[in-house]
N, C-alpha and C. Protein backbone atom coordinates (compact mmCIF):
# COMPACT_ATOMS: atom_id res chain seq x y z
N MET A 1 -36.69 1.06 -15.54
CA MET A 1 -36.72 0.10 -14.49
C MET A 1 -37.43 -1.20 -14.81
N GLN A 2 -38.41 -1.44 -15.94
CA GLN A 2 -38.82 -2.39 -16.63
C GLN A 2 -38.05 -3.43 -17.17
N ALA A 3 -36.81 -2.84 -17.56
CA ALA A 3 -35.95 -3.84 -18.09
C ALA A 3 -35.23 -4.80 -17.21
N GLU A 4 -35.41 -4.41 -15.90
CA GLU A 4 -34.73 -5.33 -15.06
C GLU A 4 -35.82 -6.26 -14.42
N LEU A 5 -37.10 -6.24 -14.58
CA LEU A 5 -38.06 -7.14 -14.27
C LEU A 5 -37.97 -8.31 -15.15
N THR A 6 -38.51 -9.50 -14.54
CA THR A 6 -38.59 -10.98 -15.21
C THR A 6 -39.62 -10.76 -16.16
N ASP A 7 -39.92 -11.41 -16.87
CA ASP A 7 -40.81 -11.46 -18.08
C ASP A 7 -42.23 -11.89 -17.22
N GLU A 8 -42.09 -12.76 -16.09
CA GLU A 8 -43.04 -13.18 -15.04
C GLU A 8 -43.79 -11.88 -14.72
N GLU A 9 -42.73 -11.58 -14.17
CA GLU A 9 -43.32 -9.67 -13.19
C GLU A 9 -44.04 -8.74 -14.25
N LEU A 10 -43.26 -8.89 -15.50
CA LEU A 10 -43.75 -7.84 -16.42
C LEU A 10 -45.10 -8.30 -17.15
N MET A 11 -45.42 -9.47 -16.86
CA MET A 11 -46.53 -9.93 -17.52
C MET A 11 -47.91 -9.98 -16.27
N LEU A 12 -47.59 -10.01 -15.03
CA LEU A 12 -48.63 -9.54 -13.93
C LEU A 12 -48.31 -8.17 -13.92
N ALA A 13 -47.65 -7.18 -14.23
CA ALA A 13 -47.84 -5.86 -13.91
C ALA A 13 -48.91 -5.32 -15.23
N TYR A 14 -48.58 -6.47 -16.34
CA TYR A 14 -49.67 -5.93 -17.50
C TYR A 14 -51.38 -6.35 -17.22
N GLY A 15 -51.13 -7.31 -16.70
CA GLY A 15 -52.42 -7.77 -16.06
C GLY A 15 -53.28 -6.99 -14.82
N ALA A 16 -52.23 -6.28 -14.28
CA ALA A 16 -52.80 -5.52 -13.42
C ALA A 16 -53.21 -4.05 -13.93
N GLY A 17 -52.96 -3.71 -15.44
CA GLY A 17 -53.37 -2.75 -15.99
C GLY A 17 -52.09 -1.57 -16.63
N GLU A 18 -50.82 -2.04 -16.43
CA GLU A 18 -49.87 -1.23 -16.84
C GLU A 18 -49.40 -1.72 -18.18
N ALA A 19 -49.84 -0.94 -19.08
CA ALA A 19 -49.72 -1.34 -20.58
C ALA A 19 -48.34 -1.16 -21.00
N SER A 20 -47.52 -0.20 -20.38
CA SER A 20 -45.97 -0.08 -20.65
C SER A 20 -45.31 -1.55 -20.49
N ALA A 21 -45.70 -2.32 -19.44
CA ALA A 21 -45.20 -3.91 -19.15
C ALA A 21 -45.16 -4.77 -20.35
N PHE A 22 -46.43 -4.35 -20.88
CA PHE A 22 -46.92 -5.33 -22.31
C PHE A 22 -45.40 -5.13 -23.51
N GLU A 23 -45.05 -3.83 -23.67
CA GLU A 23 -44.46 -3.03 -24.82
C GLU A 23 -43.07 -3.70 -24.51
N THR A 24 -42.68 -3.91 -23.21
CA THR A 24 -41.32 -4.31 -22.82
C THR A 24 -41.73 -6.14 -23.13
N LEU A 25 -42.30 -6.75 -22.79
CA LEU A 25 -42.55 -8.03 -22.89
C LEU A 25 -42.72 -8.29 -24.68
N TYR A 26 -43.20 -7.52 -25.33
CA TYR A 26 -43.65 -7.68 -27.18
C TYR A 26 -42.08 -7.27 -27.43
N SER A 27 -41.41 -6.35 -27.20
CA SER A 27 -39.97 -6.23 -27.40
C SER A 27 -38.96 -7.32 -27.29
N ARG A 28 -39.05 -7.90 -26.39
CA ARG A 28 -38.22 -9.01 -26.05
C ARG A 28 -38.47 -10.55 -26.60
N HIS A 29 -39.75 -10.51 -26.86
CA HIS A 29 -40.19 -11.88 -27.39
C HIS A 29 -40.62 -11.70 -29.02
N ARG A 30 -40.70 -10.70 -29.31
CA ARG A 30 -41.18 -10.64 -31.00
C ARG A 30 -40.44 -11.47 -31.96
N GLY A 31 -38.93 -11.08 -31.95
CA GLY A 31 -38.28 -11.82 -32.83
C GLY A 31 -38.34 -13.21 -32.90
N PRO A 32 -38.12 -13.73 -31.42
CA PRO A 32 -38.03 -15.38 -31.73
C PRO A 32 -39.15 -16.01 -31.88
N LEU A 33 -40.53 -15.36 -31.45
CA LEU A 33 -41.89 -15.72 -31.76
C LEU A 33 -42.03 -15.59 -33.10
N PHE A 34 -41.76 -14.51 -33.78
CA PHE A 34 -42.12 -14.57 -35.26
C PHE A 34 -41.33 -15.53 -35.80
N ARG A 35 -39.92 -15.62 -35.60
CA ARG A 35 -38.91 -16.75 -36.66
C ARG A 35 -39.53 -17.95 -36.25
N PHE A 36 -40.13 -18.43 -35.23
CA PHE A 36 -40.80 -19.77 -34.51
C PHE A 36 -41.86 -19.84 -35.91
N MET A 37 -43.01 -18.97 -35.78
CA MET A 37 -44.03 -19.16 -36.62
C MET A 37 -43.47 -19.23 -37.94
N LEU A 38 -42.70 -18.42 -38.30
CA LEU A 38 -42.51 -18.49 -40.21
C LEU A 38 -41.75 -19.83 -40.26
N HIS A 39 -40.58 -20.18 -39.58
CA HIS A 39 -40.04 -21.69 -39.72
C HIS A 39 -41.30 -22.72 -39.81
N GLN A 40 -42.47 -22.76 -38.99
CA GLN A 40 -43.38 -23.80 -38.82
C GLN A 40 -44.17 -23.79 -40.11
N VAL A 41 -44.67 -22.43 -40.56
CA VAL A 41 -45.48 -22.41 -41.74
C VAL A 41 -44.79 -21.99 -42.87
N ARG A 42 -43.60 -21.30 -43.03
CA ARG A 42 -42.82 -21.12 -44.24
C ARG A 42 -43.70 -20.18 -45.38
N ASP A 43 -44.40 -19.38 -44.63
CA ASP A 43 -45.33 -18.60 -45.51
C ASP A 43 -45.26 -17.15 -44.60
N HIS A 44 -44.72 -16.41 -45.18
CA HIS A 44 -44.77 -14.88 -44.35
C HIS A 44 -46.16 -14.39 -44.07
N GLY A 45 -47.02 -14.54 -44.99
CA GLY A 45 -48.45 -13.92 -44.79
C GLY A 45 -48.93 -14.55 -43.49
N THR A 46 -49.01 -16.05 -43.47
CA THR A 46 -49.53 -16.92 -42.58
C THR A 46 -49.04 -16.62 -41.40
N ALA A 47 -47.65 -16.78 -41.31
CA ALA A 47 -46.67 -16.48 -40.26
C ALA A 47 -47.26 -15.31 -39.40
N GLU A 48 -47.42 -14.17 -39.81
CA GLU A 48 -47.77 -12.88 -39.61
C GLU A 48 -49.33 -12.84 -38.69
N GLU A 49 -50.10 -13.52 -39.82
CA GLU A 49 -51.34 -13.67 -38.90
C GLU A 49 -51.40 -14.55 -37.88
N LEU A 50 -50.85 -15.74 -38.06
CA LEU A 50 -50.92 -16.51 -36.66
C LEU A 50 -49.96 -16.08 -35.41
N TYR A 51 -48.79 -15.10 -35.96
CA TYR A 51 -48.10 -14.28 -34.64
C TYR A 51 -49.11 -13.16 -34.02
N GLN A 52 -49.87 -12.63 -34.83
CA GLN A 52 -51.00 -11.65 -34.40
C GLN A 52 -51.68 -12.03 -33.34
N ASP A 53 -52.37 -13.71 -34.15
CA ASP A 53 -53.22 -14.11 -33.02
C ASP A 53 -52.57 -14.60 -31.58
N VAL A 54 -51.45 -15.17 -31.77
CA VAL A 54 -50.69 -15.38 -30.57
C VAL A 54 -50.82 -14.37 -29.61
N TRP A 55 -50.20 -12.98 -29.99
CA TRP A 55 -50.02 -11.78 -29.12
C TRP A 55 -51.65 -11.29 -28.86
N GLN A 56 -52.51 -11.58 -29.46
CA GLN A 56 -54.16 -11.22 -29.02
C GLN A 56 -54.55 -12.05 -28.12
N ARG A 57 -53.98 -13.41 -28.02
CA ARG A 57 -54.39 -14.14 -27.11
C ARG A 57 -53.74 -14.07 -25.92
N VAL A 58 -52.45 -13.87 -25.85
CA VAL A 58 -51.80 -13.18 -24.53
C VAL A 58 -52.50 -11.87 -23.91
N ILE A 59 -52.71 -11.05 -24.58
CA ILE A 59 -53.69 -9.73 -24.25
C ILE A 59 -55.06 -10.34 -23.82
N THR A 60 -55.45 -11.13 -24.46
CA THR A 60 -56.75 -11.47 -23.88
C THR A 60 -56.66 -12.27 -22.36
N ALA A 61 -55.80 -13.07 -22.23
CA ALA A 61 -55.51 -13.76 -21.04
C ALA A 61 -54.65 -13.09 -20.14
N ARG A 62 -54.47 -11.78 -19.92
CA ARG A 62 -53.45 -11.00 -19.22
C ARG A 62 -54.04 -11.02 -17.64
N ALA A 63 -55.34 -11.08 -17.67
CA ALA A 63 -55.93 -10.91 -16.29
C ALA A 63 -55.82 -12.72 -15.72
N ARG A 64 -55.85 -13.17 -16.68
CA ARG A 64 -55.90 -14.72 -15.96
C ARG A 64 -54.42 -15.43 -15.64
N TYR A 65 -53.42 -14.86 -16.15
CA TYR A 65 -52.01 -15.37 -16.00
C TYR A 65 -51.50 -15.55 -14.81
N GLN A 66 -51.02 -16.62 -14.66
CA GLN A 66 -50.31 -16.91 -13.33
C GLN A 66 -49.10 -17.56 -13.63
N PRO A 67 -47.87 -17.18 -13.06
CA PRO A 67 -46.62 -17.58 -13.34
C PRO A 67 -46.14 -18.86 -12.93
N ASP A 68 -47.17 -19.89 -13.75
CA ASP A 68 -46.48 -21.35 -12.99
C ASP A 68 -45.59 -21.87 -13.59
N ALA A 69 -45.09 -21.43 -14.87
CA ALA A 69 -43.86 -21.31 -15.60
C ALA A 69 -43.18 -20.25 -16.24
N ARG A 70 -42.18 -20.46 -17.05
CA ARG A 70 -41.41 -19.21 -17.37
C ARG A 70 -42.51 -18.61 -18.91
N PHE A 71 -42.70 -17.28 -18.44
CA PHE A 71 -43.42 -16.67 -19.56
C PHE A 71 -43.20 -17.12 -21.15
N SER A 72 -41.82 -17.16 -21.37
CA SER A 72 -41.51 -17.83 -22.41
C SER A 72 -41.99 -19.30 -22.90
N THR A 73 -42.19 -20.02 -22.04
CA THR A 73 -42.66 -21.42 -22.17
C THR A 73 -44.20 -21.49 -22.47
N TRP A 74 -45.12 -20.32 -21.62
CA TRP A 74 -46.34 -20.14 -21.75
C TRP A 74 -46.87 -19.32 -23.05
N LEU A 75 -45.91 -18.38 -23.45
CA LEU A 75 -46.05 -17.93 -24.84
C LEU A 75 -45.83 -19.06 -25.84
N PHE A 76 -45.00 -19.62 -25.81
CA PHE A 76 -44.66 -20.76 -26.89
C PHE A 76 -45.95 -21.68 -26.90
N GLN A 77 -46.40 -21.95 -25.83
CA GLN A 77 -47.37 -22.85 -25.60
C GLN A 77 -48.47 -22.44 -26.47
N ILE A 78 -48.97 -21.23 -26.14
CA ILE A 78 -50.00 -20.48 -26.97
C ILE A 78 -49.66 -20.76 -28.58
N ALA A 79 -48.36 -20.30 -28.83
CA ALA A 79 -48.15 -20.32 -30.39
C ALA A 79 -48.32 -21.78 -30.94
N HIS A 80 -47.89 -22.82 -29.93
CA HIS A 80 -48.04 -24.36 -30.65
C HIS A 80 -49.27 -24.60 -30.76
N ASN A 81 -50.43 -24.23 -29.63
CA ASN A 81 -51.67 -24.10 -29.52
C ASN A 81 -52.45 -23.70 -30.69
N ARG A 82 -51.75 -22.69 -31.15
CA ARG A 82 -52.08 -21.89 -32.63
C ARG A 82 -51.77 -22.58 -33.58
N LEU A 83 -50.58 -23.24 -33.75
CA LEU A 83 -50.11 -23.80 -34.84
C LEU A 83 -51.05 -25.28 -34.82
N THR A 84 -51.26 -25.94 -33.69
CA THR A 84 -52.27 -26.92 -33.93
C THR A 84 -53.59 -26.84 -34.67
N ASP A 85 -54.07 -25.68 -34.16
CA ASP A 85 -55.55 -25.38 -34.91
C ASP A 85 -55.19 -24.91 -36.08
N HIS A 86 -54.22 -24.42 -36.58
CA HIS A 86 -54.16 -23.98 -38.18
C HIS A 86 -53.79 -25.37 -38.89
N TRP A 87 -53.41 -26.09 -38.30
CA TRP A 87 -52.93 -27.45 -39.32
C TRP A 87 -54.17 -28.33 -39.41
N ARG A 88 -55.04 -28.28 -38.19
CA ARG A 88 -56.18 -28.96 -38.33
C ARG A 88 -56.93 -28.61 -39.37
N ALA A 89 -56.98 -27.33 -39.31
CA ALA A 89 -58.02 -26.56 -40.08
C ALA A 89 -57.66 -26.68 -41.93
N LEU A 90 -56.35 -26.83 -42.11
CA LEU A 90 -55.96 -26.98 -43.24
C LEU A 90 -55.85 -28.84 -43.68
N GLN A 91 -55.65 -29.58 -42.52
CA GLN A 91 -55.44 -30.83 -42.86
C GLN A 91 -54.30 -31.07 -43.55
N HIS A 92 -53.07 -30.35 -43.68
CA HIS A 92 -52.07 -30.94 -44.30
C HIS A 92 -51.12 -29.14 -44.37
N ARG A 93 -49.91 -29.80 -44.01
CA ARG A 93 -48.85 -28.45 -44.27
C ARG A 93 -48.67 -28.08 -45.68
N PRO A 94 -48.73 -26.86 -45.68
CA PRO A 94 -48.61 -26.23 -47.30
C PRO A 94 -47.33 -26.41 -47.84
N PRO A 95 -47.01 -26.38 -49.09
CA PRO A 95 -45.55 -26.33 -49.67
C PRO A 95 -44.87 -25.24 -49.46
N ALA A 96 -43.52 -25.20 -49.65
CA ALA A 96 -42.69 -23.98 -49.49
C ALA A 96 -43.32 -22.94 -50.22
N PRO A 97 -43.31 -21.60 -49.71
CA PRO A 97 -44.09 -20.46 -50.77
C PRO A 97 -43.05 -20.24 -52.11
N ALA A 98 -43.58 -19.89 -52.86
CA ALA A 98 -42.99 -20.11 -54.48
C ALA A 98 -41.67 -18.75 -54.44
N ASP A 99 -41.82 -18.07 -53.47
CA ASP A 99 -40.65 -17.13 -53.77
C ASP A 99 -39.51 -17.52 -52.54
N ALA A 100 -39.48 -18.72 -52.18
CA ALA A 100 -38.80 -19.08 -50.78
C ALA A 100 -37.19 -18.79 -51.22
N GLU A 101 -36.90 -19.24 -52.24
CA GLU A 101 -35.35 -19.10 -52.67
C GLU A 101 -35.04 -17.59 -53.15
N GLU A 102 -35.98 -16.66 -53.59
CA GLU A 102 -35.75 -15.22 -53.90
C GLU A 102 -35.73 -14.93 -52.48
N ARG A 103 -36.27 -15.34 -51.43
CA ARG A 103 -35.95 -14.65 -50.25
C ARG A 103 -34.91 -14.85 -49.50
N THR A 104 -34.07 -16.05 -49.74
CA THR A 104 -33.31 -16.36 -49.07
C THR A 104 -31.98 -15.64 -49.68
N ILE A 105 -32.25 -15.68 -51.01
CA ILE A 105 -30.93 -14.68 -51.71
C ILE A 105 -30.99 -13.52 -51.53
N ARG A 106 -32.01 -12.47 -51.08
CA ARG A 106 -32.16 -11.45 -50.65
C ARG A 106 -31.50 -10.94 -49.31
N GLU A 107 -31.15 -12.19 -48.52
CA GLU A 107 -30.30 -12.08 -46.97
C GLU A 107 -29.12 -11.11 -47.31
N ALA A 108 -29.02 -10.03 -46.60
CA ALA A 108 -27.46 -9.55 -46.76
C ALA A 108 -26.45 -10.23 -46.00
N ASP A 109 -25.54 -10.41 -46.58
CA ASP A 109 -24.34 -10.54 -46.03
C ASP A 109 -23.04 -9.96 -46.56
N GLN A 110 -22.05 -9.65 -45.32
CA GLN A 110 -20.98 -8.74 -45.89
C GLN A 110 -19.64 -9.35 -46.15
N GLU A 111 -19.91 -10.78 -46.22
CA GLU A 111 -18.93 -11.34 -46.89
C GLU A 111 -18.55 -11.61 -48.35
N THR A 112 -17.60 -12.02 -49.01
CA THR A 112 -17.35 -12.29 -50.19
C THR A 112 -18.07 -13.17 -50.94
N PRO A 113 -18.52 -12.84 -52.29
CA PRO A 113 -19.32 -13.86 -52.79
C PRO A 113 -19.15 -15.13 -52.60
N GLU A 114 -17.87 -15.61 -52.78
CA GLU A 114 -17.67 -17.06 -52.58
C GLU A 114 -18.03 -17.53 -51.09
N ARG A 115 -18.16 -16.81 -49.86
CA ARG A 115 -18.51 -17.29 -48.53
C ARG A 115 -20.00 -16.87 -48.72
N GLN A 116 -20.72 -16.07 -49.52
CA GLN A 116 -22.24 -15.81 -49.47
C GLN A 116 -22.60 -17.13 -50.04
N LEU A 117 -21.96 -17.37 -50.97
CA LEU A 117 -22.53 -18.67 -51.69
C LEU A 117 -22.45 -20.23 -51.31
N SER A 118 -21.24 -20.19 -50.36
CA SER A 118 -21.22 -21.19 -49.39
C SER A 118 -22.12 -21.27 -48.50
N ALA A 119 -22.10 -20.10 -47.78
CA ALA A 119 -23.16 -19.84 -46.67
C ALA A 119 -24.41 -20.25 -46.86
N PHE A 120 -24.97 -19.56 -48.29
CA PHE A 120 -26.24 -19.60 -48.69
C PHE A 120 -26.38 -21.11 -48.86
N GLU A 121 -25.76 -21.84 -49.67
CA GLU A 121 -25.78 -23.59 -50.03
C GLU A 121 -25.94 -23.91 -48.37
N GLU A 122 -25.48 -23.94 -47.35
CA GLU A 122 -25.29 -24.71 -46.31
C GLU A 122 -26.48 -24.22 -45.61
N ARG A 123 -27.17 -23.03 -45.56
CA ARG A 123 -28.26 -22.75 -44.91
C ARG A 123 -29.53 -23.25 -45.78
N ARG A 124 -29.33 -23.49 -47.12
CA ARG A 124 -30.42 -24.12 -47.84
C ARG A 124 -30.49 -25.57 -47.69
N ARG A 125 -28.97 -26.14 -47.40
CA ARG A 125 -29.35 -27.66 -46.89
C ARG A 125 -29.96 -28.00 -45.95
N LEU A 126 -29.69 -26.85 -44.99
CA LEU A 126 -30.08 -27.08 -43.55
C LEU A 126 -31.77 -26.87 -43.85
N GLN A 127 -32.07 -25.80 -44.17
CA GLN A 127 -33.47 -25.65 -44.66
C GLN A 127 -34.31 -26.66 -45.07
N LEU A 128 -33.54 -27.62 -46.21
CA LEU A 128 -34.27 -28.57 -46.96
C LEU A 128 -34.57 -29.84 -45.95
N ALA A 129 -33.32 -29.81 -45.37
CA ALA A 129 -33.35 -31.01 -44.29
C ALA A 129 -34.22 -31.01 -43.05
N LEU A 130 -34.29 -29.73 -42.89
CA LEU A 130 -35.56 -29.58 -41.56
C LEU A 130 -37.04 -29.63 -42.08
N GLU A 131 -37.17 -29.41 -43.59
CA GLU A 131 -38.53 -29.79 -43.79
C GLU A 131 -38.68 -31.27 -44.08
N GLU A 132 -37.75 -31.81 -44.11
CA GLU A 132 -37.96 -33.24 -44.56
C GLU A 132 -38.32 -33.85 -43.05
N LEU A 133 -38.03 -33.38 -41.93
CA LEU A 133 -38.27 -33.86 -40.85
C LEU A 133 -39.54 -34.16 -40.65
N PRO A 134 -40.16 -35.08 -39.91
CA PRO A 134 -41.71 -35.00 -39.59
C PRO A 134 -42.04 -33.78 -38.61
N ALA A 135 -43.12 -33.23 -38.78
CA ALA A 135 -43.71 -31.99 -38.10
C ALA A 135 -43.31 -32.17 -36.49
N ASP A 136 -43.49 -33.53 -35.98
CA ASP A 136 -43.20 -33.02 -34.41
C ASP A 136 -41.81 -33.09 -34.14
N GLN A 137 -40.85 -33.83 -34.66
CA GLN A 137 -39.22 -33.54 -34.70
C GLN A 137 -38.59 -32.03 -35.01
N ARG A 138 -39.13 -31.68 -36.25
CA ARG A 138 -38.80 -30.46 -36.77
C ARG A 138 -39.34 -29.10 -35.66
N GLU A 139 -40.45 -29.42 -34.87
CA GLU A 139 -40.81 -28.36 -33.70
C GLU A 139 -40.01 -28.46 -32.52
N VAL A 140 -39.48 -29.69 -32.14
CA VAL A 140 -38.79 -29.92 -30.87
C VAL A 140 -37.26 -29.17 -31.34
N VAL A 141 -36.87 -29.29 -32.52
CA VAL A 141 -35.51 -28.98 -33.10
C VAL A 141 -35.65 -27.29 -32.61
N LEU A 142 -36.56 -26.81 -33.56
CA LEU A 142 -36.47 -25.58 -33.51
C LEU A 142 -36.74 -24.76 -32.26
N LEU A 143 -37.70 -25.49 -31.51
CA LEU A 143 -37.67 -24.51 -30.06
C LEU A 143 -36.26 -25.06 -29.29
N ARG A 144 -35.63 -26.13 -29.38
CA ARG A 144 -34.41 -26.40 -28.76
C ARG A 144 -33.26 -25.51 -29.21
N LEU A 145 -32.97 -25.49 -30.29
CA LEU A 145 -31.72 -24.44 -31.13
C LEU A 145 -32.19 -23.22 -31.16
N GLU A 146 -33.29 -22.70 -31.73
CA GLU A 146 -33.48 -21.40 -31.85
C GLU A 146 -34.02 -20.61 -30.96
N GLN A 147 -34.79 -21.37 -30.16
CA GLN A 147 -35.71 -20.62 -28.57
C GLN A 147 -34.67 -20.94 -27.61
N GLU A 148 -33.69 -21.94 -27.52
CA GLU A 148 -32.93 -22.49 -26.35
C GLU A 148 -33.72 -22.79 -25.04
N LEU A 149 -34.84 -23.59 -25.40
CA LEU A 149 -35.73 -23.89 -24.51
C LEU A 149 -35.41 -25.08 -23.93
N SER A 150 -35.59 -25.59 -22.88
CA SER A 150 -35.22 -26.72 -21.96
C SER A 150 -36.12 -27.91 -22.42
N LEU A 151 -35.56 -29.19 -22.23
CA LEU A 151 -36.66 -30.20 -22.70
C LEU A 151 -37.83 -29.89 -22.00
N GLU A 152 -37.92 -29.86 -20.55
CA GLU A 152 -38.92 -29.82 -19.89
C GLU A 152 -40.14 -28.59 -20.75
N GLN A 153 -39.65 -27.28 -20.79
CA GLN A 153 -40.08 -26.37 -21.42
C GLN A 153 -40.66 -26.95 -22.71
N ILE A 154 -39.86 -27.63 -23.50
CA ILE A 154 -40.63 -28.17 -24.98
C ILE A 154 -41.41 -28.85 -24.51
N GLY A 155 -41.48 -30.04 -23.61
CA GLY A 155 -42.36 -30.61 -23.20
C GLY A 155 -43.97 -30.16 -22.91
N GLN A 156 -43.76 -29.02 -21.99
CA GLN A 156 -45.09 -28.21 -21.56
C GLN A 156 -45.38 -27.63 -22.89
N ILE A 157 -44.76 -27.19 -23.74
CA ILE A 157 -45.29 -26.42 -25.11
C ILE A 157 -45.96 -27.70 -25.91
N THR A 158 -45.24 -28.65 -26.13
CA THR A 158 -45.93 -29.69 -27.00
C THR A 158 -46.91 -30.71 -26.41
N GLY A 159 -47.17 -30.60 -24.79
CA GLY A 159 -47.75 -31.67 -24.34
C GLY A 159 -47.39 -32.97 -24.00
N VAL A 160 -46.08 -33.09 -24.52
CA VAL A 160 -45.41 -34.39 -24.38
C VAL A 160 -44.51 -34.77 -22.91
N GLY A 161 -44.31 -35.81 -22.86
CA GLY A 161 -43.12 -35.96 -21.68
C GLY A 161 -41.68 -35.40 -22.25
N ARG A 162 -40.75 -35.22 -21.32
CA ARG A 162 -39.48 -35.00 -21.32
C ARG A 162 -38.69 -36.23 -22.20
N GLU A 163 -39.03 -37.18 -21.84
CA GLU A 163 -38.29 -38.56 -22.67
C GLU A 163 -38.80 -38.62 -24.08
N THR A 164 -39.95 -38.21 -24.20
CA THR A 164 -40.62 -37.97 -25.60
C THR A 164 -39.75 -36.85 -26.55
N VAL A 165 -39.88 -35.92 -25.77
CA VAL A 165 -39.13 -34.68 -26.30
C VAL A 165 -37.60 -34.94 -26.73
N LYS A 166 -37.01 -35.21 -25.70
CA LYS A 166 -35.46 -36.15 -25.80
C LYS A 166 -35.42 -37.01 -26.64
N SER A 167 -36.52 -37.71 -27.23
CA SER A 167 -36.16 -39.08 -28.09
C SER A 167 -36.35 -38.50 -29.77
N ARG A 168 -37.59 -37.65 -29.65
CA ARG A 168 -37.83 -36.73 -30.88
C ARG A 168 -36.61 -36.02 -31.35
N LEU A 169 -35.78 -35.33 -30.29
CA LEU A 169 -34.80 -34.35 -30.68
C LEU A 169 -33.75 -35.40 -31.37
N ARG A 170 -33.34 -36.53 -30.54
CA ARG A 170 -32.18 -37.42 -30.87
C ARG A 170 -32.47 -37.87 -32.28
N TYR A 171 -33.75 -38.40 -32.61
CA TYR A 171 -34.19 -38.96 -33.96
C TYR A 171 -33.88 -37.84 -34.86
N ALA A 172 -34.20 -36.47 -34.43
CA ALA A 172 -34.19 -35.37 -35.52
C ALA A 172 -32.61 -34.89 -35.74
N ILE A 173 -32.06 -34.92 -34.92
CA ILE A 173 -30.29 -34.77 -34.99
C ILE A 173 -29.67 -35.94 -35.99
N ASP A 174 -30.26 -37.25 -35.50
CA ASP A 174 -29.48 -38.16 -36.39
C ASP A 174 -29.78 -37.89 -37.77
N LYS A 175 -31.06 -37.70 -38.09
CA LYS A 175 -31.36 -37.70 -39.50
C LYS A 175 -30.75 -36.50 -40.20
N LEU A 176 -30.68 -35.33 -39.53
CA LEU A 176 -29.95 -34.22 -39.80
C LEU A 176 -28.57 -34.37 -40.02
N ARG A 177 -27.97 -35.14 -39.26
CA ARG A 177 -26.47 -35.56 -39.48
C ARG A 177 -26.59 -36.40 -40.83
N LEU A 178 -27.13 -37.24 -40.93
CA LEU A 178 -27.18 -38.13 -41.96
C LEU A 178 -27.26 -37.42 -43.11
N ARG A 179 -28.31 -36.53 -43.30
CA ARG A 179 -28.70 -35.38 -44.52
C ARG A 179 -27.83 -34.52 -44.91
N LEU A 180 -26.93 -34.02 -44.00
CA LEU A 180 -26.24 -33.01 -44.00
C LEU A 180 -24.40 -33.36 -44.26
N LYS A 181 -24.33 -34.79 -44.30
CA LYS A 181 -22.95 -35.22 -44.52
C LYS A 181 -22.49 -34.72 -45.48
N PRO A 182 -21.25 -34.51 -45.72
CA PRO A 182 -20.43 -33.55 -47.24
C PRO A 182 -20.68 -34.95 -48.02
């Protein structure tokens, strides 16, 4: 029955004391949220720590939750705020982890070695191109393309207007096209 409820209904049920509602929400959003965190910090351990902090904040806020926006927008707003706190504490973005290429190579792929190499090279080119983007542009690209959020939702998460999100997205896509030209 819980699978039929919206995220907002599940969060309200969780706030009312129904623990199983949280389990359903967590299973729906754990993958996209973790991928977002990992793409932002580019370090598995840090991503895990921040990811757990986000869920802890969801748990802490359960009684105060109001469905003023989609649950996913609210969740990614919490993630954005946690990342902002993280970067403020560090005062800079860390470099890619030392084993980033090794991690990428370990990805399983069922295709031929030639296709695997080509796909790997394309992913690596995209990853490098994304890393070259300014942080605010990279964030809107990841929220739009990976999380499939609307411009309005991204604006709510990042705290900027829809037109600013649109502009950042346009500049980022233009830079990615230029960088990824064959």
